[in-house]
Amino acid sequence: MLKKVLIPLGLVVIVAIFVVVNLQHREKATDVRTEPVSRLDLIELASASGKVQPKISVDISADVTGKIVAVHAEEGDVVKSGQLLLEIDPTQFRETVRSQEAQYQSSLAALREAEARLEQQASEWERAQGLFAGQGISTRDYESARTSYKLAEAQLVSAQRRVDQSAALLEQGRDNLAKTSIRAPMDGVVVRREADVGEIAIQSSLSIQVLMVIADLSVMEVEVDVDETEIPRVDIGQAASVEIDAYPDSTFHGRVTEIANSPRQASTDRGVDFKVVITLDRGYTGLRPGLSATAEITTARRDSALAIPIQALTMRTTKTLESEQSRLRRRLGDAAPADFAFTEDQKEVEGVLVVADDRALFVPVATGITGEKHFEVLSGLTGDEIIVTGPMRTVRTLTHGERVKIERGKQEDREEDEEQSSGAGVSVDVD
């Protein structure tokens, strides 16, 4: 009787032990969100902020020093090339010209006198040559006539040089007098006026005193500072869209026309920026120099590119992956995926977690351009895969070969703070 009782009891114990051991070895499955790999049109952008400025802007300064006696243009006025803008007191320069004109006339008179003297000495020299040939004059008289002729030639040359010098001084004086009237060098708009009647305009080679600024507002540019990490992707001719703070409901379009070779002066608390100039494709009424703007430069475009969400891309060390692959091979045997192929000097690798047979398998990928929410995939995927996209913490911590369970319901992005607070959901798979 006791034997009949012990045998069923032993079978129950054996079954219980088997169940307990089986449950202990059963893997847990991590809840994940997934998306299929898709093909999308991707646009890569480089964003930067800066200021609106005219393509052509001229600083008006004085070429002579003097008191400003008249201002004929105000800020905002439209001016034409050659139009009178400012006048500097011409009195001193006018008197200088009168003096130089007198000197010029005097030098001309001296020149005519030297020409007459040379003509007289030439006649005397010719006569002396004839008399000397017939022994009509002495050698001394002959040499004296020749010397007088040579001296008259030299005096004529000197008189000509004095005429040239006085003419140059007169021309310089007239030029300085003309410079007392400052005229517009081009058609444009007075965007700044610093001069007032009674101020002294100073001409200096060491520093420039800006009296006015004239700009051609028909062609405007946006000068932005592009971060050093993005500058390699920016090139001449790339299209750009510009948003200007003063016009929040408008978008302006243009192209990159200039990229600086040298960086801006860097401060200690920020990275290095390079100046990039975007020329707007047409004139926009109302744009003013100095307006704040933000530009998005289209650095690359891919049509129907194999794409993955940005949050799906993760990083693993090669050492970790090799260890996880070895553990998965021991668990699955021949059913385990193929081993990774890393180079000897490779320390880390980018990749995604592909869902296959209810497991998340790490697959290395090479990425191309970065769109607003997606990476372009150059190699590693075929386009038929389902990849893990969230939660963010789970993407970072999932191990290669770990069991996963796809969340049912909405496959939408969660806010990062929600993900950080809730963490990865875990459930027990009891199949």
Protein backbone atom coordinates (compact mmCIF):
# COMPACT_ATOMS: atom_id res chain seq x y z
CA MET A 1 0.00 0.00 0.00
CA LEU A 2 2.84 2.33 0.92
CA LYS A 3 4.54 1.55 -2.41
CA LYS A 4 1.41 2.49 -4.31
CA VAL A 5 1.35 5.87 -2.56
CA LEU A 6 5.08 6.64 -2.94
CA ILE A 7 5.22 6.00 -6.70
CA PRO A 8 2.61 8.64 -7.69
CA LEU A 9 4.08 11.02 -5.13
CA GLY A 10 7.55 10.58 -6.67
CA LEU A 11 6.19 11.24 -10.13
CA VAL A 12 4.56 14.46 -8.89
CA VAL A 13 7.83 15.58 -7.31
CA ILE A 14 9.77 14.83 -10.51
CA VAL A 15 7.25 16.76 -12.61
CA ALA A 16 7.36 19.66 -10.14
CA ILE A 17 11.15 19.75 -10.25
CA PHE A 18 11.07 19.70 -14.07
CA VAL A 19 8.59 22.59 -14.16
CA VAL A 20 10.62 24.65 -11.70
CA VAL A 21 13.84 24.09 -13.63
CA ASN A 22 12.12 24.91 -16.92
CA LEU A 23 10.70 28.15 -15.50
CA GLN A 24 14.08 29.11 -14.11
CA HIS A 25 15.66 28.76 -17.55
CA ARG A 26 12.82 30.45 -19.42
CA GLU A 27 13.95 33.81 -20.84
CA LYS A 28 12.17 37.02 -20.13
CA ALA A 29 11.01 39.09 -23.12
CA THR A 30 11.48 42.86 -23.19
CA ASP A 31 8.68 45.01 -24.55
CA VAL A 32 9.82 47.04 -27.56
CA ARG A 33 8.37 49.28 -30.22
CA THR A 34 9.29 48.51 -33.81
CA GLU A 35 9.08 49.91 -37.30
CA PRO A 36 9.77 48.38 -40.70
CA VAL A 37 12.76 49.68 -42.62
CA SER A 38 11.36 51.99 -45.30
CA ARG A 39 12.35 54.02 -48.33
CA LEU A 40 11.98 57.78 -48.00
CA ASP A 41 13.04 61.00 -49.68
CA LEU A 42 15.65 62.48 -47.33
CA ILE A 43 16.97 66.02 -47.13
CA GLU A 44 20.04 66.84 -45.03
CA LEU A 45 20.16 70.35 -43.61
CA ALA A 46 22.76 72.53 -41.93
CA SER A 47 21.24 75.21 -39.71
CA ALA A 48 22.87 78.50 -38.77
CA SER A 49 21.89 81.98 -37.64
CA GLY A 50 23.13 85.39 -38.69
CA LYS A 51 22.18 88.80 -40.08
CA VAL A 52 20.72 90.22 -43.27
CA GLN A 53 23.04 92.56 -45.17
CA PRO A 54 23.20 94.12 -48.64
CA LYS A 55 25.45 92.45 -51.19
CA ILE A 56 26.98 95.83 -52.11
CA SER A 57 27.55 98.43 -49.42
CA VAL A 58 29.86 101.45 -49.61
CA ASP A 59 31.23 103.49 -46.71
CA ILE A 60 31.41 107.18 -47.58
CA SER A 61 34.37 109.02 -46.05
CA ALA A 62 36.24 112.27 -46.70
CA ASP A 63 39.34 112.47 -48.91
CA VAL A 64 40.20 115.91 -47.49
CA THR A 65 40.02 117.40 -44.01
CA GLY A 66 37.62 120.25 -43.34
CA LYS A 67 34.41 121.42 -41.73
CA ILE A 68 31.15 120.01 -43.06
CA VAL A 69 29.01 122.92 -44.24
CA ALA A 70 26.08 121.06 -45.86
CA VAL A 71 24.43 117.63 -45.77
CA HIS A 72 22.14 116.87 -48.72
CA ALA A 73 20.95 113.32 -47.95
CA GLU A 74 19.21 111.78 -44.97
CA GLU A 75 19.05 108.19 -43.78
CA GLY A 76 16.59 106.25 -45.91
CA ASP A 77 16.91 108.54 -48.95
CA VAL A 78 17.26 106.95 -52.38
CA VAL A 79 20.26 108.45 -54.18
CA LYS A 80 21.67 108.24 -57.70
CA SER A 81 25.28 107.86 -58.75
CA GLY A 82 26.97 111.28 -58.77
CA GLN A 83 24.36 112.91 -56.55
CA LEU A 84 25.74 115.47 -54.07
CA LEU A 85 25.72 114.11 -50.52
CA LEU A 86 27.90 116.42 -48.40
CA GLU A 87 29.92 119.60 -48.75
CA ILE A 88 33.14 120.47 -46.92
CA ASP A 89 34.16 124.13 -46.52
CA PRO A 90 36.03 124.86 -49.81
CA THR A 91 37.55 128.24 -48.88
CA GLN A 92 41.06 127.03 -48.06
CA PHE A 93 41.18 124.72 -51.07
CA ARG A 94 39.90 127.44 -53.42
CA GLU A 95 42.64 129.85 -52.31
CA THR A 96 45.24 127.14 -52.71
CA VAL A 97 44.10 126.61 -56.29
CA ARG A 98 44.35 130.34 -57.03
CA SER A 99 47.93 130.38 -55.73
CA GLN A 100 48.83 127.30 -57.74
CA GLU A 101 47.30 128.78 -60.88
CA ALA A 102 49.49 131.88 -60.44
CA GLN A 103 52.56 129.70 -60.02
CA TYR A 104 51.64 127.77 -63.13
CA GLN A 105 51.28 130.95 -65.19
CA SER A 106 54.63 132.21 -63.86
CA SER A 107 56.32 128.96 -64.84
CA LEU A 108 54.81 129.22 -68.33
CA ALA A 109 56.27 132.74 -68.68
CA ALA A 110 59.66 131.49 -67.53
CA LEU A 111 59.44 128.72 -70.12
CA ARG A 112 58.74 131.18 -72.95
CA GLU A 113 61.69 133.28 -71.77
CA ALA A 114 63.95 130.22 -71.77
CA GLU A 115 62.80 129.32 -75.29
CA ALA A 116 63.65 132.83 -76.56
CA ARG A 117 67.03 132.73 -74.85
CA LEU A 118 67.82 129.37 -76.41
CA GLU A 119 66.82 130.67 -79.83
CA GLN A 120 69.19 133.64 -79.40
CA GLN A 121 72.04 131.49 -78.16
CA ALA A 122 71.55 129.04 -81.02
CA SER A 123 71.97 131.88 -83.50
CA GLU A 124 75.08 133.13 -81.70
CA TRP A 125 76.53 129.61 -81.63
CA GLU A 126 75.93 129.12 -85.36
CA ARG A 127 77.59 132.47 -86.15
CA ALA A 128 80.56 131.65 -83.92
CA GLN A 129 81.09 128.34 -85.71
CA GLY A 130 81.34 130.13 -89.08
CA LEU A 131 83.76 132.79 -87.83
CA PHE A 132 85.92 130.23 -86.08
CA ALA A 133 86.19 128.21 -89.26
CA GLY A 134 87.53 131.32 -91.04
CA GLN A 135 89.70 132.17 -88.05
CA GLY A 136 87.59 135.31 -87.45
CA ILE A 137 87.33 134.75 -83.68
CA SER A 138 89.59 133.33 -81.05
CA THR A 139 89.24 129.90 -79.51
CA ARG A 140 88.15 131.52 -76.26
CA ASP A 141 85.23 133.31 -77.92
CA TYR A 142 84.30 130.10 -79.72
CA GLU A 143 84.16 128.11 -76.45
CA SER A 144 82.23 130.89 -74.74
CA ALA A 145 79.53 130.82 -77.46
CA ARG A 146 79.21 127.06 -77.22
CA THR A 147 78.92 127.20 -73.41
CA SER A 148 76.22 129.86 -73.61
CA TYR A 149 74.26 127.71 -76.02
CA LYS A 150 74.50 124.62 -73.80
CA LEU A 151 73.46 126.69 -70.76
CA ALA A 152 70.41 128.00 -72.63
CA GLU A 153 69.44 124.40 -73.48
CA ALA A 154 69.69 123.38 -69.82
CA GLN A 155 67.67 126.39 -68.71
CA LEU A 156 64.93 125.48 -71.16
CA VAL A 157 64.76 121.94 -69.78
CA SER A 158 64.62 123.31 -66.22
CA ALA A 159 61.82 125.69 -67.19
CA GLN A 160 59.87 122.82 -68.74
CA ARG A 161 60.23 120.78 -65.52
CA ARG A 162 58.99 123.72 -63.45
CA VAL A 163 55.96 123.97 -65.71
CA ASP A 164 55.27 120.25 -65.26
CA GLN A 165 55.62 120.56 -61.49
CA SER A 166 53.34 123.57 -61.18
CA ALA A 167 50.81 121.89 -63.48
CA ALA A 168 50.80 118.80 -61.24
CA LEU A 169 50.33 120.91 -58.11
CA LEU A 170 47.50 122.79 -59.80
CA GLU A 171 45.81 119.54 -60.80
CA GLN A 172 46.18 118.23 -57.25
CA GLY A 173 44.73 121.43 -55.85
CA ARG A 174 41.75 121.31 -58.22
CA ASP A 175 41.20 117.65 -57.29
CA ASN A 176 41.21 118.47 -53.57
CA LEU A 177 38.79 121.34 -54.23
CA ALA A 178 36.49 118.95 -56.10
CA LYS A 179 36.68 116.50 -53.18
CA THR A 180 35.05 119.06 -50.90
CA SER A 181 31.84 118.04 -52.67
CA ILE A 182 31.22 114.37 -51.74
CA ARG A 183 29.01 112.56 -54.26
CA ALA A 184 27.31 109.17 -54.33
CA PRO A 185 29.51 106.49 -55.98
CA MET A 186 26.49 104.39 -57.02
CA ASP A 187 22.73 104.15 -57.02
CA GLY A 188 21.39 103.04 -53.67
CA VAL A 189 19.84 103.91 -50.34
CA VAL A 190 21.43 105.82 -47.48
CA VAL A 191 21.29 103.19 -44.74
CA ARG A 192 23.35 105.17 -42.23
CA ARG A 193 24.25 108.82 -41.73
CA GLU A 194 26.92 109.82 -39.22
CA ALA A 195 27.74 113.37 -40.45
CA ASP A 196 26.20 116.63 -39.25
CA VAL A 197 26.80 120.23 -40.29
CA GLY A 198 29.63 121.77 -38.28
CA GLU A 199 31.52 118.53 -37.67
CA ILE A 200 35.08 118.15 -38.90
CA ALA A 201 35.58 115.54 -41.58
CA ILE A 202 39.03 114.00 -41.17
CA GLN A 203 41.03 112.36 -43.92
CA SER A 204 43.41 109.78 -42.47
CA SER A 205 45.25 106.72 -43.74
CA LEU A 206 45.30 105.18 -40.26
CA SER A 207 41.54 105.11 -39.58
CA ILE A 208 38.48 105.75 -41.70
CA GLN A 209 35.82 108.15 -40.52
CA VAL A 210 32.53 106.89 -41.97
CA LEU A 211 30.22 109.79 -42.81
CA MET A 212 27.51 107.81 -44.60
CA VAL A 213 26.79 104.29 -45.78
CA ILE A 214 25.06 103.66 -49.11
CA ALA A 215 23.77 100.19 -49.98
CA ASP A 216 22.15 98.54 -52.96
CA LEU A 217 19.11 96.92 -51.35
CA SER A 218 18.00 95.22 -54.56
CA VAL A 219 20.37 92.29 -53.84
CA MET A 220 20.45 91.10 -50.22
CA GLU A 221 22.55 88.49 -48.47
CA VAL A 222 22.36 86.58 -45.22
CA GLU A 223 25.67 86.15 -43.44
CA VAL A 224 25.49 83.19 -41.05
CA ASP A 225 27.93 81.39 -38.74
CA VAL A 226 28.13 77.67 -39.51
CA ASP A 227 29.56 75.30 -36.91
CA GLU A 228 32.86 73.62 -37.76
CA THR A 229 31.23 70.16 -37.60
CA GLU A 230 28.82 71.07 -40.41
CA ILE A 231 31.08 73.18 -42.63
CA PRO A 232 32.53 70.15 -44.55
CA ARG A 233 29.02 69.46 -45.90
CA VAL A 234 28.40 73.03 -47.08
CA ASP A 235 29.32 73.90 -50.66
CA ILE A 236 28.93 76.79 -53.10
CA GLY A 237 25.61 76.76 -54.95
CA GLN A 238 23.62 74.80 -52.37
CA ALA A 239 20.04 75.94 -51.90
CA ALA A 240 18.98 77.53 -48.63
CA SER A 241 15.74 78.64 -47.03
CA VAL A 242 15.88 81.62 -44.69
CA GLU A 243 13.53 82.68 -41.93
CA ILE A 244 13.77 86.29 -40.75
CA ASP A 245 12.54 87.16 -37.27
CA ALA A 246 10.85 90.34 -38.47
CA TYR A 247 8.78 88.33 -41.01
CA PRO A 248 7.69 85.18 -39.10
CA ASP A 249 5.13 84.17 -41.73
CA SER A 250 7.51 84.33 -44.71
CA THR A 251 10.27 82.10 -46.02
CA PHE A 252 13.03 83.52 -48.21
CA HIS A 253 15.09 81.48 -50.63
CA GLY A 254 18.66 81.76 -51.82
CA ARG A 255 21.93 79.97 -52.50
CA VAL A 256 25.34 79.73 -50.87
CA THR A 257 27.70 82.12 -52.65
CA GLU A 258 30.64 82.38 -50.25
CA ILE A 259 32.34 80.15 -47.66
CA ALA A 260 35.13 81.53 -45.51
CA ASN A 261 38.44 79.67 -45.43
CA SER A 262 39.36 80.98 -41.99
CA PRO A 263 37.19 80.65 -38.87
CA ARG A 264 35.71 83.43 -36.85
CA GLN A 265 37.66 84.48 -33.79
CA ALA A 266 36.76 81.74 -31.33
CA SER A 267 35.97 82.42 -27.68
CA THR A 268 36.87 80.10 -24.82
CA ASP A 269 33.33 78.87 -24.17
CA ARG A 270 32.13 77.93 -27.65
CA GLY A 271 33.20 76.07 -30.75
CA VAL A 272 34.62 77.43 -33.97
CA ASP A 273 32.29 78.95 -36.58
CA PHE A 274 32.86 79.78 -40.24
CA LYS A 275 31.20 82.61 -42.12
CA VAL A 276 28.87 81.49 -44.91
CA VAL A 277 27.10 83.97 -47.19
CA ILE A 278 23.71 83.16 -48.71
CA THR A 279 22.54 85.43 -51.55
CA LEU A 280 18.76 85.69 -51.76
CA ASP A 281 17.41 84.76 -55.17
CA ARG A 282 15.56 88.03 -55.71
CA GLY A 283 14.95 91.40 -54.15
CA TYR A 284 12.45 91.40 -51.31
CA THR A 285 10.76 94.71 -50.48
CA GLY A 286 11.19 95.81 -46.89
CA LEU A 287 14.33 93.89 -45.97
CA ARG A 288 16.75 95.99 -43.94
CA PRO A 289 20.40 95.45 -43.08
CA GLY A 290 20.92 93.96 -39.64
CA LEU A 291 17.73 91.89 -39.39
CA SER A 292 18.20 88.61 -37.51
CA ALA A 293 17.81 85.48 -39.63
CA THR A 294 18.06 81.70 -39.43
CA ALA A 295 19.07 79.70 -42.50
CA GLU A 296 18.70 76.03 -43.36
CA ILE A 297 21.14 74.97 -46.07
CA THR A 298 20.27 71.86 -48.07
CA THR A 299 23.60 70.01 -47.99
CA ALA A 300 22.37 66.74 -49.53
CA ARG A 301 19.25 65.10 -50.95
CA ARG A 302 18.40 61.43 -51.50
CA ASP A 303 15.29 60.20 -53.29
CA SER A 304 13.78 56.87 -52.20
CA ALA A 305 16.65 56.17 -49.82
CA LEU A 306 16.70 53.17 -47.48
CA ALA A 307 16.03 54.87 -44.14
CA ILE A 308 15.83 54.14 -40.42
CA PRO A 309 14.55 56.38 -37.61
CA ILE A 310 17.29 58.31 -35.85
CA GLN A 311 16.40 56.79 -32.48
CA ALA A 312 16.92 53.27 -33.85
CA LEU A 313 20.66 53.76 -34.41
CA THR A 314 22.77 52.65 -31.46
CA MET A 315 26.40 51.98 -30.62
CA ARG A 316 28.06 48.86 -29.18
CA THR A 317 31.64 47.90 -28.45
CA THR A 318 33.05 45.02 -30.46
CA LYS A 319 34.12 43.31 -27.25
CA THR A 320 30.56 43.36 -25.90
CA LEU A 321 29.08 42.07 -29.15
CA GLU A 322 31.54 39.19 -29.41
CA SER A 323 30.75 38.18 -25.82
CA GLU A 324 26.98 38.33 -26.43
CA GLN A 325 27.34 36.38 -29.69
CA SER A 326 29.31 33.66 -27.91
CA ARG A 327 26.63 33.37 -25.22
CA LEU A 328 23.88 33.23 -27.87
CA ARG A 329 25.73 30.50 -29.78
CA ARG A 330 25.91 28.36 -26.63
CA ARG A 331 22.17 28.81 -26.12
CA LEU A 332 20.97 28.30 -29.72
CA GLY A 333 23.68 26.16 -31.23
CA ASP A 334 23.50 25.95 -35.02
CA ALA A 335 20.41 28.17 -35.00
CA ALA A 336 22.49 31.16 -33.82
CA PRO A 337 23.18 33.92 -36.36
CA ALA A 338 26.57 34.14 -38.05
CA ASP A 339 29.47 35.62 -36.10
CA PHE A 340 30.38 39.27 -36.50
CA ALA A 341 33.31 40.22 -38.71
CA PHE A 342 35.26 43.08 -37.16
CA THR A 343 38.67 44.43 -38.03
CA GLU A 344 41.44 44.12 -35.43
CA ASP A 345 41.58 47.84 -34.68
CA GLN A 346 37.79 48.32 -34.55
CA LYS A 347 36.61 49.26 -31.05
CA GLU A 348 33.00 50.38 -31.57
CA VAL A 349 30.38 49.82 -34.23
CA GLU A 350 27.10 51.48 -35.19
CA GLY A 351 24.07 49.37 -35.86
CA VAL A 352 20.40 48.62 -35.34
CA LEU A 353 18.49 45.89 -33.54
CA VAL A 354 16.60 43.72 -36.02
CA VAL A 355 13.72 41.60 -34.73
CA ALA A 356 13.97 37.98 -35.96
CA ASP A 357 12.31 34.94 -34.34
CA ASP A 358 11.27 37.08 -31.35
CA ARG A 359 14.88 38.09 -30.70
CA ALA A 360 16.67 41.44 -31.13
CA LEU A 361 19.78 40.86 -33.21
CA PHE A 362 22.36 43.59 -33.53
CA VAL A 363 23.18 44.32 -37.20
CA PRO A 364 26.05 46.70 -38.07
CA VAL A 365 25.08 49.37 -40.61
CA ALA A 366 26.81 52.16 -42.52
CA THR A 367 24.85 55.40 -42.59
CA GLY A 368 24.81 58.24 -45.10
CA ILE A 369 23.04 61.57 -44.84
CA THR A 370 20.87 62.61 -41.90
CA GLY A 371 17.33 63.75 -42.58
CA GLU A 372 15.04 65.49 -40.12
CA LYS A 373 14.06 62.21 -38.39
CA HIS A 374 15.87 59.48 -40.33
CA PHE A 375 19.31 58.22 -41.28
CA GLU A 376 20.13 56.98 -44.76
CA VAL A 377 21.39 53.38 -44.70
CA LEU A 378 24.19 52.64 -47.14
CA SER A 379 24.84 49.01 -46.19
CA GLY A 380 23.83 46.35 -43.68
CA LEU A 381 20.09 46.20 -44.38
CA THR A 382 18.02 45.03 -47.34
CA GLY A 383 14.79 46.90 -46.58
CA ASP A 384 12.74 43.92 -45.44
CA GLU A 385 13.72 44.06 -41.77
CA ILE A 386 11.72 45.07 -38.70
CA ILE A 387 13.88 47.13 -36.34
CA VAL A 388 13.59 48.20 -32.71
CA THR A 389 12.85 51.93 -32.37
CA GLY A 390 12.02 52.32 -28.69
CA PRO A 391 11.81 52.96 -25.88
CA MET A 392 15.07 54.91 -26.07
CA ARG A 393 16.55 53.36 -22.93
CA THR A 394 15.73 49.90 -24.22
CA VAL A 395 17.46 50.55 -27.55
CA ARG A 396 20.60 51.49 -25.64
CA THR A 397 20.53 48.49 -23.28
CA LEU A 398 19.15 45.54 -25.30
CA THR A 399 21.68 42.75 -25.71
CA HIS A 400 22.34 40.91 -28.92
CA GLY A 401 19.98 37.93 -29.09
CA GLU A 402 17.72 39.06 -26.23
CA ARG A 403 14.10 37.93 -26.35
CA VAL A 404 11.68 40.74 -27.18
CA LYS A 405 7.96 41.24 -27.35
CA ILE A 406 6.52 43.81 -29.72
CA GLU A 407 4.17 46.26 -28.04
CA ARG A 408 0.73 46.13 -29.55
CA GLY A 409 -1.31 49.25 -30.17
CA LYS A 410 0.07 52.65 -31.15
CA GLN A 411 3.63 52.65 -32.48
CA GLU A 412 4.29 56.34 -31.80
CA ASP A 413 7.27 58.24 -30.40
CA ARG A 414 7.27 58.93 -26.68
CA GLU A 415 8.65 62.04 -25.02
CA GLU A 416 12.15 61.51 -23.69
CA ASP A 417 11.20 62.46 -20.14
CA GLU A 418 8.46 59.80 -20.18
CA GLU A 419 10.92 57.18 -21.36
CA GLN A 420 13.48 58.17 -18.75
CA SER A 421 10.91 57.98 -15.95
CA SER A 422 9.19 54.76 -16.97
CA GLY A 423 12.15 52.78 -18.31
CA ALA A 424 11.79 49.62 -20.37
CA GLY A 425 8.73 47.44 -19.81
CA VAL A 426 9.40 43.78 -18.96
CA SER A 427 7.02 40.83 -19.23
CA VAL A 428 7.40 37.05 -18.85
CA ASP A 429 6.89 34.92 -21.94
CA VAL A 430 5.15 31.69 -20.87
CA ASP A 431 4.72 29.95 -24.20
